Amino acid sequence: MKTMKQKHPTHSFRLIAILFLQLILCIWVHCALGFSTPGGFVTSTHHHHHHDHRQHINNSNRPACINKREPPQLFHGSRSRLSHKPTEHTSTTTLNLQYVPSLHLDITPVEAETLAGPFFGLSLFPYLAFLYFLNVPENDTPKGVTVGFAACLVFVFLTIPAAIAAQVLYGVSLADSDWLHGSAESLLTMTNLVTVVAFRQALRGKEREYIWNNNNKNYNNNNRNDKPSPGVVFEEENTMPLSATSYQPMTILVGVLTLLAGLTALIPAAIWSPEVHTPYLGGFMDVSRDWVTFGHPEPPNALSIACWIIHISSLVEFLVAMGFAWRWADVVGNPKWKGLTWGLLPLHSSGITACTYHLFYNHIPILVALQAVLTCFGNTTAAYAAWRIAVSNGWRVPSDSPLSFLNYKDNDFTTTSTTSSSSLVEVDNEEMNKENEGVSVSFLVGFEDIGDALANDNDYTFLLKLFVGCGIAAYVIKYGELLVDFPFVANPYMGLAFVFVPSALNAFKWYKRSQDPSFEGWF
């Protein structure tokens, strides 16, 4: 049979990527770039009970080479953004370029939260649209995948009381109270875990469906005049797992995991009277501070190992889910699903931003605002990607509806493919024979980070190996960063580099994959 030709992602997301960079630049210019008034640059007059997080470093414990450095004015505790004294000229029509500072990213935590608030609030609406378009019947999206993405709302709403508790009990942000922070973030790990497991099960179901169809086709071609013998032809029923056809299994899993996450916060609060920096799960995986005699002293707000595992696993699970969405496009014969991978990229960058913020011990507040922008933008691109999938599968709004503008009229935007087994991407007989011998086809391998080694694992060993790998990474990050200087210098430019460099490489990898399906990437 003729192999279906796969389409490359449209230019839409390349345009969106450019607009996104422009949006970030505009926000920074508007919020972080100050211009002097005729009397000089206005000093901020914010007064609040938070301590200045940028002054957390004990200079006496730092190496002499660092103590002797004169930190740039950008990181001084003074709220004055320029060291120049105001001038006496009073012109109101011209701008003295002497007082135009360079790009300024040094803002207080309160200013960062003020910037972030509207973006976090607005991000809810495109995410609801994303869930709606993802779940339209025309898409035949695996039900468990929808439940996984929808479970993110549990994380969003239950994080609010956790943040309030951190503020009321200790006067700090949620990120600075490890036991509350870990309990809340475990809900996000739950969301990604459910999505990955559901996607993985659905892909395996499609594999069984594909094998069944080909075995039936081969049997019928070889035995056209014979009556089929019982047991020779694979049974078609139960080909797809229950998690792909029903919401119930993954909904129950979400409920159980949410209860466990809640207990990790409620039990310490009721029994142990935890303090602000009490480690998540009692820090049972942490190395005793008395044994850590190397490098810099660890700040009290450093994440525990268990909390780091949650953050790292969330990133990896999300990458796996993006990879499964890309594979799903091949399996169902609809390249618009690859657009979902592109649409989720800003959300993954948002996760990288959160981890970078913790890497620098929560002392680069601009990253909080950046994460909010990335979340809002990512939810929007995800909604757009899900809309493209729905339209390509034949979803339409009634022509007399006020929302009829959502109906795309370009014939090139639709696809004649369906999500039935007949639309699967054809593979040659050699690959099919390998399947029958127990070797998975390439589209079932998953994401390149995990590779072939985990492709044939069941869900339990898959997750076990995933979390073991994340645990090793957590130890390397938590104790390895004590040996270097940069995490103890709140340099926002370095923080941004930690966000945008891996994000750019990730985007370029998927671009290369769209041009060359055999390209495996670097991470």
Protein backbone atom coordinates (compact mmCIF):
# COMPACT_ATOMS: atom_id res chain seq x y z
CA MET A 1 0.00 0.00 0.00
CA LYS A 2 1.13 3.50 -0.62
CA THR A 3 2.78 5.21 2.28
CA MET A 4 1.00 8.30 3.45
CA LYS A 5 3.04 11.42 2.90
CA GLN A 6 3.45 13.41 6.08
CA LYS A 7 3.01 17.16 6.01
CA HIS A 8 5.40 19.52 7.61
CA PRO A 9 4.12 21.93 10.26
CA THR A 10 2.64 25.03 8.72
CA HIS A 11 4.30 28.40 8.86
CA SER A 12 1.72 29.52 11.42
CA PHE A 13 3.75 28.45 14.42
CA ARG A 14 6.94 29.96 13.03
CA LEU A 15 5.08 33.26 12.81
CA ILE A 16 3.74 32.77 16.33
CA ALA A 17 7.28 32.13 17.59
CA ILE A 18 8.42 35.44 16.12
CA LEU A 19 5.43 37.26 17.60
CA PHE A 20 6.15 35.63 20.93
CA LEU A 21 9.70 36.97 21.02
CA GLN A 22 8.36 40.39 20.11
CA LEU A 23 5.82 40.15 22.91
CA ILE A 24 8.48 39.31 25.48
CA LEU A 25 10.65 42.18 24.29
CA CYS A 26 7.75 44.63 24.45
CA ILE A 27 6.86 43.57 27.98
CA TRP A 28 10.43 43.98 29.15
CA VAL A 29 10.74 47.36 27.49
CA HIS A 30 7.45 48.50 29.00
CA CYS A 31 7.94 47.15 32.51
CA ALA A 32 11.68 47.01 33.03
CA LEU A 33 13.16 49.84 31.01
CA GLY A 34 13.05 53.14 32.84
CA PHE A 35 13.45 56.64 31.40
CA SER A 36 14.32 59.65 33.49
CA THR A 37 12.02 62.53 34.10
CA PRO A 38 13.47 66.05 33.92
CA GLY A 39 14.43 65.79 37.56
CA GLY A 40 16.20 62.50 37.16
CA PHE A 41 15.08 58.89 37.47
CA VAL A 42 12.33 58.36 39.99
CA THR A 43 13.26 56.10 42.89
CA SER A 44 10.75 53.40 43.67
CA THR A 45 8.83 53.98 46.89
CA HIS A 46 7.57 50.43 47.54
CA HIS A 47 7.49 49.60 51.24
CA HIS A 48 6.51 46.13 52.35
CA HIS A 49 7.24 43.54 55.02
CA HIS A 50 9.13 41.18 52.73
CA HIS A 51 12.86 41.05 53.16
CA ASP A 52 14.90 41.77 50.06
CA HIS A 53 15.65 38.30 48.68
CA ARG A 54 18.62 39.58 46.76
CA GLN A 55 20.57 40.19 49.95
CA HIS A 56 20.42 36.61 51.18
CA ILE A 57 24.05 35.76 50.62
CA ASN A 58 26.39 35.69 53.54
CA ASN A 59 29.44 37.34 52.10
CA SER A 60 31.67 36.13 54.91
CA ASN A 61 31.11 32.57 53.74
CA ARG A 62 31.92 33.27 50.13
CA PRO A 63 35.33 32.85 48.57
CA ALA A 64 37.64 35.83 48.88
CA CYS A 65 37.64 36.34 45.14
CA ILE A 66 33.89 36.90 45.31
CA ASN A 67 33.96 39.05 48.44
CA LYS A 68 36.34 41.44 46.77
CA ARG A 69 34.09 41.94 43.80
CA GLU A 70 32.10 45.14 43.73
CA PRO A 71 28.61 44.03 42.70
CA PRO A 72 27.09 46.08 39.91
CA GLN A 73 24.52 48.71 40.80
CA LEU A 74 21.93 46.47 39.23
CA PHE A 75 21.95 44.20 42.30
CA HIS A 76 22.37 46.76 45.09
CA GLY A 77 19.74 46.75 47.78
CA SER A 78 18.99 50.41 47.02
CA ARG A 79 15.89 50.87 44.91
CA SER A 80 17.54 53.65 42.93
CA ARG A 81 18.05 52.28 39.44
CA LEU A 82 20.80 54.72 38.51
CA SER A 83 23.81 55.86 40.41
CA HIS A 84 23.71 59.26 38.75
CA LYS A 85 22.52 62.23 40.74
CA PRO A 86 19.52 64.14 39.42
CA THR A 87 20.31 67.06 37.19
CA GLU A 88 19.07 70.59 37.59
CA HIS A 89 17.83 71.16 34.05
CA THR A 90 14.04 71.48 33.73
CA SER A 91 13.36 70.85 30.07
CA THR A 92 10.01 69.09 29.65
CA THR A 93 10.23 68.39 25.93
CA THR A 94 13.58 66.68 25.46
CA LEU A 95 15.01 63.49 26.90
CA ASN A 96 18.50 63.59 28.30
CA LEU A 97 20.01 60.35 26.93
CA GLN A 98 22.51 60.37 29.74
CA TYR A 99 19.76 59.02 31.98
CA VAL A 100 18.46 56.29 29.69
CA PRO A 101 19.56 53.07 31.44
CA SER A 102 20.26 49.73 29.87
CA LEU A 103 17.65 46.96 30.01
CA HIS A 104 16.72 46.72 33.67
CA LEU A 105 15.56 43.39 35.07
CA ASP A 106 16.17 44.00 38.76
CA ILE A 107 12.70 44.16 40.31
CA THR A 108 11.42 43.27 43.76
CA PRO A 109 9.36 40.14 44.46
CA VAL A 110 6.29 42.30 44.98
CA GLU A 111 6.77 43.98 41.61
CA ALA A 112 7.26 40.59 39.98
CA GLU A 113 4.07 39.23 41.49
CA THR A 114 2.22 42.36 40.42
CA LEU A 115 3.36 41.81 36.84
CA ALA A 116 2.65 38.10 36.96
CA GLY A 117 -0.84 38.25 38.45
CA PRO A 118 -2.78 39.42 35.37
CA PHE A 119 -1.03 36.93 33.09
CA PHE A 120 -1.71 34.00 35.41
CA GLY A 121 -5.34 35.07 35.69
CA LEU A 122 -5.84 35.48 31.96
CA SER A 123 -4.15 32.17 31.20
CA LEU A 124 -7.16 30.26 32.55
CA PHE A 125 -9.42 31.22 29.63
CA PRO A 126 -7.26 29.94 26.75
CA TYR A 127 -6.60 26.78 28.74
CA LEU A 128 -10.33 26.13 29.03
CA ALA A 129 -10.56 26.66 25.27
CA PHE A 130 -7.70 24.20 24.80
CA LEU A 131 -9.53 21.55 26.81
CA TYR A 132 -12.75 22.14 24.87
CA PHE A 133 -11.18 21.83 21.42
CA LEU A 134 -9.05 18.87 22.49
CA ASN A 135 -12.12 16.98 23.66
CA VAL A 136 -14.50 17.54 20.73
CA PRO A 137 -15.83 14.18 19.48
CA GLU A 138 -14.36 14.68 16.03
CA ASN A 139 -10.82 14.43 17.42
CA ASP A 140 -11.32 11.06 19.09
CA THR A 141 -8.71 12.12 21.62
CA PRO A 142 -7.91 9.37 24.13
CA LYS A 143 -10.17 10.09 27.10
CA GLY A 144 -7.39 9.61 29.61
CA VAL A 145 -5.25 12.22 27.85
CA THR A 146 -8.07 14.73 28.20
CA VAL A 147 -8.38 13.87 31.90
CA GLY A 148 -4.64 14.36 32.33
CA PHE A 149 -4.64 17.82 30.80
CA ALA A 150 -7.82 18.76 32.67
CA ALA A 151 -6.21 17.70 35.97
CA CYS A 152 -3.99 20.77 35.63
CA LEU A 153 -6.99 22.76 36.84
CA VAL A 154 -6.77 20.83 40.12
CA PHE A 155 -3.18 22.00 40.45
CA VAL A 156 -4.14 25.59 39.66
CA PHE A 157 -7.00 25.85 42.16
CA LEU A 158 -5.39 23.89 45.02
CA THR A 159 -2.17 25.88 44.73
CA ILE A 160 -4.11 29.01 45.74
CA PRO A 161 -4.80 27.92 49.36
CA ALA A 162 -1.21 26.67 49.64
CA ALA A 163 0.10 30.08 48.58
CA ILE A 164 -2.26 31.82 51.01
CA ALA A 165 -1.07 29.56 53.82
CA ALA A 166 2.59 30.36 53.08
CA GLN A 167 1.83 34.07 53.16
CA VAL A 168 -0.37 34.02 56.25
CA LEU A 169 1.70 31.59 58.32
CA TYR A 170 5.21 32.72 57.39
CA GLY A 171 4.99 35.91 55.35
CA VAL A 172 6.82 34.32 52.39
CA SER A 173 5.92 33.19 48.90
CA LEU A 174 4.96 29.57 48.30
CA ALA A 175 8.33 28.86 46.66
CA ASP A 176 10.13 29.65 49.92
CA SER A 177 8.21 27.14 52.06
CA ASP A 178 9.40 23.74 50.93
CA TRP A 179 6.77 21.52 52.57
CA LEU A 180 3.87 23.54 51.15
CA HIS A 181 5.65 24.06 47.85
CA GLY A 182 6.33 20.35 47.34
CA SER A 183 2.77 19.36 48.16
CA ALA A 184 1.38 21.87 45.66
CA GLU A 185 3.84 21.05 42.88
CA SER A 186 3.19 17.33 43.26
CA LEU A 187 -0.23 18.04 41.75
CA LEU A 188 1.47 19.26 38.56
CA THR A 189 3.57 16.10 38.44
CA MET A 190 0.32 14.16 38.82
CA THR A 191 -1.16 15.99 35.83
CA ASN A 192 1.77 15.21 33.57
CA LEU A 193 2.05 11.63 34.83
CA VAL A 194 -1.60 10.87 34.03
CA THR A 195 -1.24 12.44 30.58
CA VAL A 196 1.87 10.39 29.80
CA VAL A 197 0.42 7.09 31.01
CA ALA A 198 -2.82 7.65 29.07
CA PHE A 199 -0.98 8.62 25.89
CA ARG A 200 1.35 5.64 26.25
CA GLN A 201 -1.53 3.20 26.71
CA ALA A 202 -3.40 4.66 23.74
CA LEU A 203 -0.34 4.36 21.51
CA ARG A 204 0.06 0.73 22.51
CA GLY A 205 -3.61 0.18 21.77
CA LYS A 206 -3.12 1.61 18.29
CA GLU A 207 -0.21 -0.77 17.84
CA ARG A 208 -2.38 -3.77 18.69
CA GLU A 209 -5.12 -2.45 16.42
CA TYR A 210 -2.66 -2.07 13.57
CA ILE A 211 -1.29 -5.60 14.05
CA TRP A 212 -4.82 -7.01 14.21
CA ASN A 213 -5.81 -5.34 10.94
CA ASN A 214 -2.71 -6.52 9.12
CA ASN A 215 -2.97 -10.08 10.40
CA ASN A 216 -6.60 -10.26 9.38
CA LYS A 217 -5.75 -8.81 5.98
CA ASN A 218 -2.91 -11.28 5.45
CA TYR A 219 -5.03 -14.23 6.61
CA ASN A 220 -7.91 -13.30 4.34
CA ASN A 221 -5.58 -12.89 1.36
CA ASN A 222 -4.05 -16.32 1.92
CA ASN A 223 -7.25 -18.16 2.80
CA ARG A 224 -9.94 -16.55 0.64
CA ASN A 225 -11.77 -19.83 0.08
CA ASP A 226 -11.30 -21.27 3.55
CA LYS A 227 -13.47 -20.78 6.58
CA PRO A 228 -11.49 -18.99 9.28
CA SER A 229 -10.42 -21.21 12.12
CA PRO A 230 -11.16 -20.15 15.69
CA GLY A 231 -8.21 -18.44 17.33
CA VAL A 232 -6.29 -17.82 14.09
CA VAL A 233 -7.45 -14.24 13.64
CA PHE A 234 -6.86 -11.76 16.44
CA GLU A 235 -9.96 -10.54 18.21
CA GLU A 236 -10.70 -6.88 17.51
CA GLU A 237 -12.53 -6.22 20.75
CA ASN A 238 -10.61 -4.64 23.63
CA THR A 239 -7.89 -3.50 21.23
CA MET A 240 -7.87 -0.01 22.74
CA PRO A 241 -7.36 0.25 26.52
CA LEU A 242 -10.19 1.43 28.73
CA SER A 243 -8.27 4.63 29.52
CA ALA A 244 -8.56 5.61 25.84
CA THR A 245 -12.32 5.07 25.59
CA SER A 246 -13.50 6.06 29.07
CA TYR A 247 -12.81 8.95 31.43
CA GLN A 248 -13.25 6.78 34.51
CA PRO A 249 -9.84 5.06 34.97
CA MET A 250 -7.72 8.19 34.83
CA THR A 251 -10.29 10.22 36.78
CA ILE A 252 -10.01 7.70 39.62
CA LEU A 253 -6.20 7.88 39.38
CA VAL A 254 -6.34 11.69 39.56
CA GLY A 255 -8.56 11.49 42.64
CA VAL A 256 -6.22 9.08 44.43
CA LEU A 257 -3.09 11.08 43.59
CA THR A 258 -4.77 14.35 44.62
CA LEU A 259 -5.68 12.81 47.98
CA LEU A 260 -2.09 11.67 48.51
CA ALA A 261 -0.77 15.12 47.61
CA GLY A 262 -3.19 16.70 50.05
CA LEU A 263 -2.09 14.37 52.83
CA THR A 264 1.55 15.41 52.37
CA ALA A 265 0.46 18.91 53.42
CA LEU A 266 -2.29 18.15 55.94
CA ILE A 267 -0.42 15.55 58.00
CA PRO A 268 2.63 17.78 58.73
CA ALA A 269 0.34 20.71 59.50
CA ALA A 270 -1.67 18.65 61.99
CA ILE A 271 1.15 16.72 63.69
CA TRP A 272 4.55 18.33 63.29
CA SER A 273 3.85 22.08 63.46
CA PRO A 274 6.17 22.70 60.49
CA GLU A 275 8.26 25.82 60.20
CA VAL A 276 8.75 27.94 57.14
CA HIS A 277 11.68 25.92 55.78
CA THR A 278 10.59 22.47 56.92
CA PRO A 279 11.55 20.20 54.01
CA TYR A 280 8.93 18.43 51.95
CA LEU A 281 8.22 14.89 53.23
CA GLY A 282 10.52 15.61 56.15
CA GLY A 283 13.53 15.74 53.85
CA PHE A 284 13.95 11.98 54.21
CA MET A 285 15.99 11.83 50.98
CA ASP A 286 18.25 14.77 51.82
CA VAL A 287 21.86 14.42 52.90
CA SER A 288 22.36 15.70 56.44
CA ARG A 289 23.53 19.31 56.44
CA ASP A 290 26.32 18.30 58.83
CA TRP A 291 27.73 16.06 56.12
CA VAL A 292 27.66 18.72 53.43
CA THR A 293 30.99 20.40 54.20
CA PHE A 294 31.93 21.31 50.64
CA GLY A 295 31.23 24.38 48.56
CA HIS A 296 28.96 27.23 49.56
CA PRO A 297 26.65 26.97 52.57
CA GLU A 298 23.20 26.02 51.35
CA PRO A 299 20.55 28.76 51.78
CA PRO A 300 17.64 27.81 54.05
CA ASN A 301 15.10 28.13 51.22
CA ALA A 302 16.85 25.55 49.02
CA LEU A 303 14.56 22.87 47.63
CA SER A 304 14.66 19.43 49.21
CA ILE A 305 15.56 16.39 47.11
CA ALA A 306 11.93 15.26 47.00
CA CYS A 307 10.85 18.71 45.82
CA TRP A 308 13.55 18.75 43.15
CA ILE A 309 12.42 15.31 41.94
CA ILE A 310 8.90 16.67 41.54
CA HIS A 311 10.10 19.63 39.48
CA ILE A 312 12.46 17.64 37.27
CA SER A 313 9.97 14.83 36.68
CA SER A 314 7.33 17.38 35.69
CA LEU A 315 9.66 18.73 33.01
CA VAL A 316 10.58 15.28 31.72
CA GLU A 317 6.99 14.02 31.76
CA PHE A 318 5.87 17.06 29.82
CA LEU A 319 8.59 16.43 27.23
CA VAL A 320 7.41 12.83 26.96
CA ALA A 321 3.82 14.01 26.45
CA MET A 322 4.99 16.37 23.69
CA GLY A 323 6.78 13.49 22.03
CA PHE A 324 3.70 11.28 22.28
CA ALA A 325 1.58 13.99 20.64
CA TRP A 326 4.07 14.02 17.76
CA ARG A 327 3.87 10.22 17.48
CA TRP A 328 0.08 10.31 17.70
CA ALA A 329 0.02 12.44 14.55
CA ASP A 330 1.72 9.59 12.67
CA VAL A 331 -0.49 6.95 14.22
CA VAL A 332 -3.82 8.58 13.35
CA GLY A 333 -2.61 10.05 10.07
CA ASN A 334 -3.30 13.67 10.99
CA PRO A 335 -0.21 15.94 10.98
CA LYS A 336 -2.12 18.66 12.82
CA TRP A 337 -1.38 16.76 16.03
CA LYS A 338 2.25 17.73 15.55
CA GLY A 339 1.09 21.30 15.90
CA LEU A 340 0.12 20.45 19.47
CA THR A 341 3.77 19.68 20.21
CA TRP A 342 4.67 23.14 18.93
CA GLY A 343 1.81 24.69 20.89
CA LEU A 344 3.05 23.13 24.13
CA LEU A 345 6.60 24.45 23.74
CA PRO A 346 6.01 27.74 25.65
CA LEU A 347 4.48 25.78 28.53
CA HIS A 348 7.57 23.62 28.74
CA SER A 349 9.66 26.80 28.75
CA SER A 350 7.47 28.00 31.61
CA GLY A 351 8.48 24.89 33.54
CA ILE A 352 12.14 25.53 32.76
CA THR A 353 11.68 29.07 34.08
CA ALA A 354 10.34 27.76 37.39
CA CYS A 355 13.27 25.37 37.79
CA THR A 356 15.71 28.14 36.93
CA TYR A 357 14.12 30.35 39.57
CA HIS A 358 14.75 27.65 42.17
CA LEU A 359 18.25 26.99 40.84
CA PHE A 360 19.10 30.57 41.84
CA TYR A 361 17.40 30.07 45.22
CA ASN A 362 14.37 32.20 44.25
CA HIS A 363 16.41 35.39 43.97
CA ILE A 364 15.68 36.48 40.39
CA PRO A 365 12.12 37.83 40.71
CA ILE A 366 11.82 38.73 37.01
CA LEU A 367 11.58 35.00 36.31
CA VAL A 368 8.24 34.92 38.14
CA ALA A 369 6.83 37.44 35.68
CA LEU A 370 8.41 35.62 32.75
CA GLN A 371 6.85 32.35 33.83
CA ALA A 372 3.43 34.00 33.94
CA VAL A 373 3.86 35.38 30.42
CA LEU A 374 5.01 32.00 29.10
CA THR A 375 2.09 30.24 30.78
CA CYS A 376 -0.47 32.63 29.30
CA PHE A 377 1.11 32.49 25.87
CA GLY A 378 1.54 28.72 26.00
CA ASN A 379 -2.09 28.15 26.94
CA THR A 380 -3.06 30.30 23.97
CA THR A 381 -0.85 28.42 21.50
CA ALA A 382 -2.08 25.10 22.90
CA ALA A 383 -5.68 26.24 22.38
CA TYR A 384 -4.86 27.30 18.83
CA ALA A 385 -3.24 23.94 18.13
CA ALA A 386 -6.23 22.04 19.52
CA TRP A 387 -8.56 24.19 17.39
CA ARG A 388 -6.54 23.31 14.28
CA ILE A 389 -6.86 19.62 15.13
CA ALA A 390 -10.61 19.94 15.65
CA VAL A 391 -11.17 21.80 12.39
CA SER A 392 -9.00 19.35 10.46
CA ASN A 393 -11.17 16.51 11.76
CA GLY A 394 -14.38 18.18 10.60
CA TRP A 395 -15.50 20.11 13.68
CA ARG A 396 -17.73 23.04 12.76
CA VAL A 397 -19.76 25.73 14.49
CA PRO A 398 -23.30 26.25 13.09
CA SER A 399 -23.21 28.93 10.43
CA ASP A 400 -25.80 31.06 12.25
CA SER A 401 -23.79 31.03 15.50
CA PRO A 402 -21.92 34.15 16.67
CA LEU A 403 -18.85 31.90 16.86
CA SER A 404 -19.03 30.84 13.23
CA PHE A 405 -15.81 32.76 12.60
CA LEU A 406 -14.06 29.75 14.15
CA ASN A 407 -14.89 27.77 11.03
CA TYR A 408 -11.81 27.82 8.85
CA LYS A 409 -12.77 27.93 5.18
CA ASP A 410 -9.46 26.92 3.62
CA ASN A 411 -9.74 23.41 2.21
CA ASP A 412 -6.04 22.86 2.85
CA PHE A 413 -6.75 23.10 6.56
CA THR A 414 -8.82 19.94 6.62
CA THR A 415 -7.72 16.40 6.20
CA THR A 416 -9.48 13.40 4.78
CA SER A 417 -7.83 11.16 7.33
CA THR A 418 -9.84 9.70 10.16
CA THR A 419 -8.77 8.29 13.46
CA SER A 420 -9.75 4.79 12.50
CA SER A 421 -7.19 2.05 12.17
CA SER A 422 -7.30 2.35 8.38
CA SER A 423 -5.67 5.77 8.61
CA LEU A 424 -2.54 4.56 10.33
CA VAL A 425 0.72 5.40 8.66
CA GLU A 426 1.73 2.37 6.63
CA VAL A 427 4.96 0.62 7.39
CA ASP A 428 6.61 -1.95 5.20
CA ASN A 429 6.32 -5.70 5.72
CA GLU A 430 9.70 -5.91 7.40
CA GLU A 431 8.62 -3.52 10.14
CA MET A 432 5.36 -5.38 10.55
CA ASN A 433 7.23 -8.65 10.96
CA LYS A 434 9.37 -7.03 13.64
CA GLU A 435 6.19 -6.03 15.45
CA ASN A 436 4.97 -9.60 15.44
CA GLU A 437 8.30 -10.65 16.93
CA GLY A 438 7.76 -8.24 19.84
CA VAL A 439 9.74 -5.26 18.57
CA SER A 440 7.88 -1.96 18.70
CA VAL A 441 7.70 0.22 15.64
CA SER A 442 9.49 3.53 15.74
CA PHE A 443 6.41 5.63 16.45
CA LEU A 444 5.93 3.81 19.76
CA VAL A 445 9.39 4.48 21.13
CA GLY A 446 8.25 7.67 22.87
CA PHE A 447 10.47 10.69 23.43
CA GLU A 448 14.15 10.62 22.58
CA ASP A 449 15.21 11.32 26.16
CA ILE A 450 13.89 7.96 27.17
CA GLY A 451 14.88 6.12 24.00
CA ASP A 452 14.59 2.51 23.04
CA ALA A 453 15.58 1.27 26.50
CA LEU A 454 12.18 2.17 27.96
CA ALA A 455 10.05 1.60 24.87
CA ASN A 456 9.16 -1.98 25.74
CA ASP A 457 8.73 -1.44 29.49
CA ASN A 458 5.33 -1.69 31.09
CA ASP A 459 3.87 1.41 32.70
CA TYR A 460 5.22 0.57 36.16
CA THR A 461 8.84 -0.02 35.20
CA PHE A 462 8.63 2.92 32.82
CA LEU A 463 7.65 5.27 35.65
CA LEU A 464 10.09 3.68 38.08
CA LYS A 465 13.04 4.25 35.76
CA LEU A 466 11.77 7.74 35.01
CA PHE A 467 11.71 8.73 38.68
CA VAL A 468 15.04 7.05 39.42
CA GLY A 469 16.63 9.12 36.67
CA CYS A 470 15.00 12.27 38.02
CA GLY A 471 16.24 11.40 41.51
CA ILE A 472 19.82 11.16 40.31
CA ALA A 473 19.44 14.51 38.54
CA ALA A 474 18.00 16.03 41.73
CA TYR A 475 21.07 15.06 43.78
CA VAL A 476 23.41 16.40 41.11
CA ILE A 477 21.60 19.75 40.97
CA LYS A 478 20.99 20.26 44.69
CA TYR A 479 24.51 19.49 45.84
CA GLY A 480 26.42 20.15 42.65
CA GLU A 481 25.40 23.81 42.50
CA LEU A 482 27.04 24.38 45.87
CA LEU A 483 30.39 23.91 44.15
CA VAL A 484 29.95 26.81 41.73
CA ASP A 485 29.43 30.52 42.24
CA PHE A 486 26.74 31.54 39.76
CA PRO A 487 23.66 30.30 41.70
CA PHE A 488 24.66 32.65 44.53
CA VAL A 489 24.82 35.72 42.28
CA ALA A 490 21.34 36.80 41.24
CA ASN A 491 22.24 37.59 37.65
CA PRO A 492 18.99 37.90 35.67
CA TYR A 493 20.77 37.67 32.33
CA MET A 494 22.26 34.31 33.25
CA GLY A 495 18.86 33.21 34.48
CA LEU A 496 17.30 34.09 31.15
CA ALA A 497 20.04 32.18 29.36
CA PHE A 498 19.12 29.08 31.39
CA VAL A 499 15.56 29.46 30.12
CA PHE A 500 15.95 30.42 26.50
CA VAL A 501 18.96 28.34 25.43
CA PRO A 502 17.37 24.92 26.14
CA SER A 503 14.03 26.22 24.87
CA ALA A 504 15.60 27.27 21.58
CA LEU A 505 17.39 23.94 21.23
CA ASN A 506 14.18 22.08 21.93
CA ALA A 507 12.30 24.09 19.32
CA PHE A 508 15.09 23.62 16.78
CA LYS A 509 15.05 19.88 17.42
CA TRP A 510 11.36 19.65 16.55
CA TYR A 511 11.94 21.82 13.50
CA LYS A 512 14.65 19.43 12.36
CA ARG A 513 12.38 16.49 13.08
CA SER A 514 9.66 18.04 10.89
CA GLN A 515 12.17 18.30 8.06
CA ASP A 516 13.81 14.92 8.66
CA PRO A 517 11.72 12.33 10.56
CA SER A 518 14.85 10.25 11.23
CA PHE A 519 16.44 13.07 13.24
CA GLU A 520 16.57 11.96 16.89
CA GLY A 521 17.75 15.20 18.48
CA TRP A 522 20.13 15.79 21.36
CA PHE A 523 17.88 15.75 24.42
